[in-house]
Amino acid sequence: MLSSEEFGPTVGQELKTNALKSVLIAAIGMLIYIIFRFKSWKYGVSSIAGIFHDVLIVLAFYAIFNVTINNPFIAGILTVVGYSINDTIVIFDRIRENKKIYRKDTNEVVIDRSVNQTLNRSIMTSLTTLICMVPLFFMVSTSIREFVLPLMVGVLVGTYSSIFLCSPLFYEFSKSEDKSKYLTAQKAKEKKEAKTSKKKK
């Protein structure tokens, strides 16, 4: 026997508490950083929603397939959180750039364009990471395998959430901007028409 591990109810509860604390601290830190960097709460809240989605999916995977949760799992979850937020920030950074370039376009058009521009990068990065992880999962020791497993699930889920969850959430939060743009344009059009009608009179 090379190694032996036993988890009682107290240790199991401690692991759950530590995992929850770690994810919460990481999420709060990232939320503050993203709001400060992008100067908008919409980016931050959308990103954190994606993080919690990824963590819940990985936990659901472990529960369904009855995989043991231990210390390497906590390290894997935190790595998944970092990987997922990196993918999301790449897309949000492109959205911010495109909003400056295409000011007249609605948020829907800008977000759609930004996701399409970063889609190849997101998919290829995730596939490359998975290609490295698959042989690693089969060829390493049990302790490292327990760290790689949540990473494999998290990479797939993180790519999905960045494209199909965080970006649509940001769009939902930004709908008010499109309405205000529309109202401003409508008022400007009405003023222009009023001036034209006065001149004709």
Protein backbone atom coordinates (compact mmCIF):
# COMPACT_ATOMS: atom_id res chain seq x y z
CA MET A 1 0.00 0.00 0.00
CA LEU A 2 1.46 3.34 -1.11
CA SER A 3 -0.97 5.66 0.64
CA SER A 4 -4.16 5.67 2.64
CA GLU A 5 -6.71 8.42 3.28
CA GLU A 6 -9.72 8.44 5.55
CA PHE A 7 -12.28 11.22 5.90
CA GLY A 8 -14.65 11.36 8.82
CA PRO A 9 -17.74 13.60 9.12
CA THR A 10 -15.71 16.39 10.80
CA VAL A 11 -12.97 16.41 8.15
CA GLY A 12 -15.58 16.21 5.38
CA GLN A 13 -17.43 19.20 6.78
CA GLU A 14 -14.15 21.11 7.12
CA LEU A 15 -13.31 20.40 3.46
CA LYS A 16 -16.72 21.70 2.35
CA THR A 17 -16.32 24.84 4.46
CA ASN A 18 -12.79 25.49 3.15
CA ALA A 19 -13.90 24.95 -0.45
CA LEU A 20 -16.83 27.34 -0.01
CA LYS A 21 -14.66 29.99 1.69
CA SER A 22 -11.99 29.71 -1.01
CA VAL A 23 -14.48 30.17 -3.86
CA LEU A 24 -16.22 33.09 -2.10
CA ILE A 25 -12.95 34.91 -1.38
CA ALA A 26 -11.78 34.38 -4.98
CA ALA A 27 -15.15 35.54 -6.36
CA ILE A 28 -15.24 38.71 -4.22
CA GLY A 29 -11.66 39.57 -5.16
CA MET A 30 -12.38 39.06 -8.86
CA LEU A 31 -15.62 41.05 -8.64
CA ILE A 32 -13.77 44.05 -7.18
CA TYR A 33 -10.99 43.76 -9.77
CA ILE A 34 -13.37 43.49 -12.76
CA ILE A 35 -15.55 46.40 -11.62
CA PHE A 36 -12.42 48.51 -11.10
CA ARG A 37 -10.92 47.53 -14.47
CA PHE A 38 -14.05 47.84 -16.62
CA LYS A 39 -15.61 50.66 -14.55
CA SER A 40 -19.03 48.97 -14.62
CA TRP A 41 -20.80 46.60 -12.23
CA LYS A 42 -22.47 44.82 -15.19
CA TYR A 43 -19.21 43.17 -16.27
CA GLY A 44 -18.42 42.10 -12.71
CA VAL A 45 -21.80 40.59 -11.86
CA SER A 46 -21.99 38.75 -15.22
CA SER A 47 -18.51 37.26 -14.65
CA ILE A 48 -19.23 36.11 -11.10
CA ALA A 49 -22.49 34.49 -12.23
CA GLY A 50 -20.42 32.46 -14.72
CA ILE A 51 -17.99 31.42 -11.97
CA PHE A 52 -20.73 30.15 -9.66
CA HIS A 53 -22.31 28.31 -12.61
CA ASP A 54 -18.99 26.54 -13.33
CA VAL A 55 -18.45 25.56 -9.68
CA LEU A 56 -22.01 24.19 -9.38
CA ILE A 57 -21.63 22.13 -12.57
CA VAL A 58 -18.34 20.61 -11.33
CA LEU A 59 -19.96 19.81 -7.96
CA ALA A 60 -22.93 18.25 -9.76
CA PHE A 61 -20.52 16.10 -11.79
CA TYR A 62 -18.84 14.88 -8.59
CA ALA A 63 -22.21 14.14 -6.97
CA ILE A 64 -23.61 12.26 -9.99
CA PHE A 65 -20.52 10.08 -10.49
CA ASN A 66 -19.84 9.71 -6.74
CA VAL A 67 -16.25 11.05 -6.91
CA THR A 68 -14.43 11.71 -3.63
CA ILE A 69 -14.00 15.37 -2.65
CA ASN A 70 -10.62 16.04 -1.03
CA ASN A 71 -7.84 18.65 -0.88
CA PRO A 72 -6.78 18.34 -4.57
CA PHE A 73 -10.43 19.02 -5.44
CA ILE A 74 -10.26 22.45 -3.74
CA ALA A 75 -7.09 23.29 -5.70
CA GLY A 76 -8.81 22.12 -8.90
CA ILE A 77 -11.92 24.22 -8.26
CA LEU A 78 -9.85 27.38 -7.68
CA THR A 79 -7.92 26.71 -10.90
CA VAL A 80 -11.22 26.29 -12.76
CA VAL A 81 -12.40 29.63 -11.35
CA GLY A 82 -9.23 31.33 -12.60
CA TYR A 83 -9.43 29.69 -16.03
CA SER A 84 -13.11 30.56 -16.44
CA ILE A 85 -12.67 34.22 -15.46
CA ASN A 86 -9.73 34.58 -17.85
CA ASP A 87 -11.88 33.37 -20.76
CA THR A 88 -14.70 35.73 -19.77
CA ILE A 89 -12.39 38.75 -19.44
CA VAL A 90 -11.04 38.17 -22.98
CA ILE A 91 -14.60 38.41 -24.36
CA PHE A 92 -15.53 41.38 -22.16
CA ASP A 93 -12.36 43.20 -23.13
CA ARG A 94 -13.30 42.83 -26.81
CA ILE A 95 -16.83 44.06 -26.04
CA ARG A 96 -15.40 47.15 -24.36
CA GLU A 97 -13.11 47.86 -27.33
CA ASN A 98 -15.91 47.37 -29.87
CA LYS A 99 -18.26 49.64 -27.90
CA LYS A 100 -15.72 52.45 -28.38
CA ILE A 101 -15.25 51.70 -32.09
CA TYR A 102 -18.91 51.04 -33.02
CA ARG A 103 -20.66 53.64 -30.87
CA LYS A 104 -23.77 53.81 -33.02
CA ASP A 105 -24.42 50.05 -32.86
CA THR A 106 -26.67 48.55 -30.21
CA ASN A 107 -25.25 46.38 -27.43
CA GLU A 108 -26.79 43.31 -29.04
CA VAL A 109 -24.79 43.86 -32.26
CA VAL A 110 -21.59 44.74 -30.39
CA ILE A 111 -21.78 41.69 -28.09
CA ASP A 112 -22.56 39.37 -31.00
CA ARG A 113 -19.61 40.74 -32.97
CA SER A 114 -17.25 40.47 -29.98
CA VAL A 115 -18.21 36.85 -29.21
CA ASN A 116 -17.70 35.88 -32.86
CA GLN A 117 -14.29 37.58 -32.92
CA THR A 118 -13.08 35.69 -29.83
CA LEU A 119 -14.87 32.38 -30.51
CA ASN A 120 -12.00 30.67 -32.33
CA ARG A 121 -9.53 31.75 -29.66
CA SER A 122 -11.73 30.45 -26.80
CA ILE A 123 -12.42 27.07 -28.41
CA MET A 124 -8.83 26.47 -29.57
CA THR A 125 -7.39 27.40 -26.17
CA SER A 126 -9.76 25.01 -24.38
CA LEU A 127 -9.11 22.17 -26.84
CA THR A 128 -5.34 22.60 -26.47
CA THR A 129 -5.65 22.50 -22.68
CA LEU A 130 -7.81 19.36 -22.82
CA ILE A 131 -5.39 17.61 -25.20
CA CYS A 132 -2.68 18.08 -22.56
CA MET A 133 -4.95 16.94 -19.71
CA VAL A 134 -6.30 13.69 -21.19
CA PRO A 135 -2.93 11.80 -21.26
CA LEU A 136 -2.05 13.40 -17.93
CA PHE A 137 -5.24 11.97 -16.41
CA PHE A 138 -4.37 8.38 -17.44
CA MET A 139 -0.62 8.42 -16.83
CA VAL A 140 -0.21 10.14 -13.45
CA SER A 141 -0.70 9.07 -9.84
CA THR A 142 -4.06 9.06 -8.07
CA SER A 143 -3.46 12.32 -6.18
CA ILE A 144 -2.66 14.28 -9.38
CA ARG A 145 -5.57 12.59 -11.18
CA GLU A 146 -7.91 13.93 -8.49
CA PHE A 147 -6.61 17.42 -9.33
CA VAL A 148 -6.86 16.96 -13.12
CA LEU A 149 -10.46 15.63 -13.14
CA PRO A 150 -12.19 18.84 -11.97
CA LEU A 151 -9.93 20.79 -14.32
CA MET A 152 -11.10 18.77 -17.33
CA VAL A 153 -14.76 19.30 -16.45
CA GLY A 154 -14.15 22.94 -15.52
CA VAL A 155 -12.38 23.81 -18.79
CA LEU A 156 -15.34 22.56 -20.84
CA VAL A 157 -17.91 24.23 -18.61
CA GLY A 158 -15.88 27.47 -18.37
CA THR A 159 -15.70 27.82 -22.15
CA TYR A 160 -19.43 27.22 -22.43
CA SER A 161 -20.36 29.69 -19.68
CA SER A 162 -18.12 32.49 -21.00
CA ILE A 163 -19.82 32.37 -24.40
CA PHE A 164 -23.39 31.30 -23.62
CA LEU A 165 -23.97 32.61 -20.09
CA CYS A 166 -21.80 35.63 -19.19
CA SER A 167 -22.23 37.48 -22.50
CA PRO A 168 -26.06 37.08 -22.60
CA LEU A 169 -26.23 38.17 -18.94
CA PHE A 170 -24.23 41.28 -19.76
CA TYR A 171 -26.64 41.97 -22.63
CA GLU A 172 -29.63 41.68 -20.27
CA PHE A 173 -28.02 44.12 -17.83
CA SER A 174 -27.23 46.55 -20.68
CA LYS A 175 -30.73 46.71 -22.19
CA SER A 176 -31.37 50.03 -20.45
CA GLU A 177 -28.45 51.56 -22.40
CA ASP A 178 -30.08 50.62 -25.71
CA LYS A 179 -33.39 52.13 -24.55
CA SER A 180 -31.71 55.40 -23.55
CA LYS A 181 -29.86 55.51 -26.89
CA TYR A 182 -33.12 54.95 -28.71
CA LEU A 183 -34.91 57.67 -26.72
CA THR A 184 -32.06 60.13 -27.29
CA ALA A 185 -32.08 59.42 -31.02
CA GLN A 186 -35.87 59.73 -31.09
CA LYS A 187 -35.78 63.10 -29.31
CA ALA A 188 -33.06 64.36 -31.65
CA LYS A 189 -35.15 63.26 -34.64
CA GLU A 190 -38.24 65.00 -33.25
CA LYS A 191 -36.29 68.24 -32.67
CA LYS A 192 -34.89 68.08 -36.19
CA GLU A 193 -38.38 67.56 -37.64
CA ALA A 194 -39.74 70.44 -35.53
CA LYS A 195 -37.01 72.79 -36.76
CA THR A 196 -37.63 71.73 -40.37
CA SER A 197 -41.36 72.36 -40.05
CA LYS A 198 -40.77 75.83 -38.54
CA LYS A 199 -38.46 76.75 -41.42
CA LYS A 200 -41.08 75.67 -43.96
CA LYS A 201 -43.69 77.86 -42.24
